[in-house]
Amino acid sequence: MLNLERLRTLDAVARHGSVSGAADGLHVTTSAVSQQLSKLEREIGQQLLAKNGRGVRLTDAGLLLAEHAARILSQVELAQADIEAQRGQVVGEVRIAAFPTAARGLLPGALGALRTAHPELRVKTVELEPEQGIREVLRGDADLAIVLDWSNKRAPVPGGLERAHLLDDAADVAVPAGHPLAGRDEVDLVDFGDEEWVSWPEGEFCHDWLMFTLRSHGIEPRIAHLAGEHHTQLALIAAGLGVCVTPRLGRGPALEGIAYVPVRQKMRRHIYATWRTDADRRPSIRAAVDALRGVGERLNS
């Protein structure tokens, strides 16, 4: 009889691409991963891993068994979901990944509501950018991720995931308080054509969106600074080092030395919760989504 935890370990190696990555994802040591795989190899009588340079790769037998392991673990997830649904109780644990402004703007209210309504539910959270959050959900390392796209640049939903809309989040342009446009009720993006910009890091979805949006308005972006953390971006603006797009969710009070200017070409982020289809019937997932949606509706009202 194949051991489920050893299959889970093999699945983690296949998903993460390395023993160390699997160890991180499973929150165990690399030695523990190696021991589980060695026992699994003895159980099936075949080699599952082979050396590949300084790392390892799955053998043909390892790849074949990893495919079965993924299906078996998916069925276990479905069984858990069905048992929870049949019992109808919101208990156990739910792990939520959220990008930073959603973590500030949505999670405190949602987690407070969950604790009041479902005291036996344990909630764990982690800040991750949307792309990372989706990967964590697909891997099974998170149950739910809060993600986004923009009204003029949509993000596809990977296969095997469900999603629910939480809210639409407007964005403004943040400028130094002494900027000539700081006092305007509304501006056009082309008014910032000669500005230096502070952007999210290259490779992130929001950086690609900014490049696409500015160029679609005839602006060739002059990116002076890259910063992933929202408050770092604003600190650079307060120092007079450029302008940036600043969403309203989780923004908090205006920092000294900064003005927020609404843009005539409305910029909106669509914010969603996403989870695995095979976990769709879990009451804990449904309760978490309902709590997040409740906070989103209050913010949009």
Foldseek 3Di string as FASTA:
>chain_A
DDDLVLLLLLLLCVLQVFLCSSCVLVVHDSVVSVVSQVVRCVVVVHHQWDDDPPTIDGDPVSVVSSVVSVVVVLVVLLVVLVVQLVVVAQADEAEEEEAVLCCQQFPVQLVVVCCVVHVRYHYHYDYDAQVVRLSCQVSVSGFKYKYKDKPVGDDDDDPQKDKDWQAKWWKFKKAFCPDPCQPDQEAALVVCQPWEEEEADPPGNRRVVVCVVCVVVVHRHHHDHHDNDPVVRLVCRLVRNTMYIGIDRNPPDRDPRMGTHHYPPIIIMTMMMMGGPSNVSRPNVVSSRVSSNVSNVVVRD
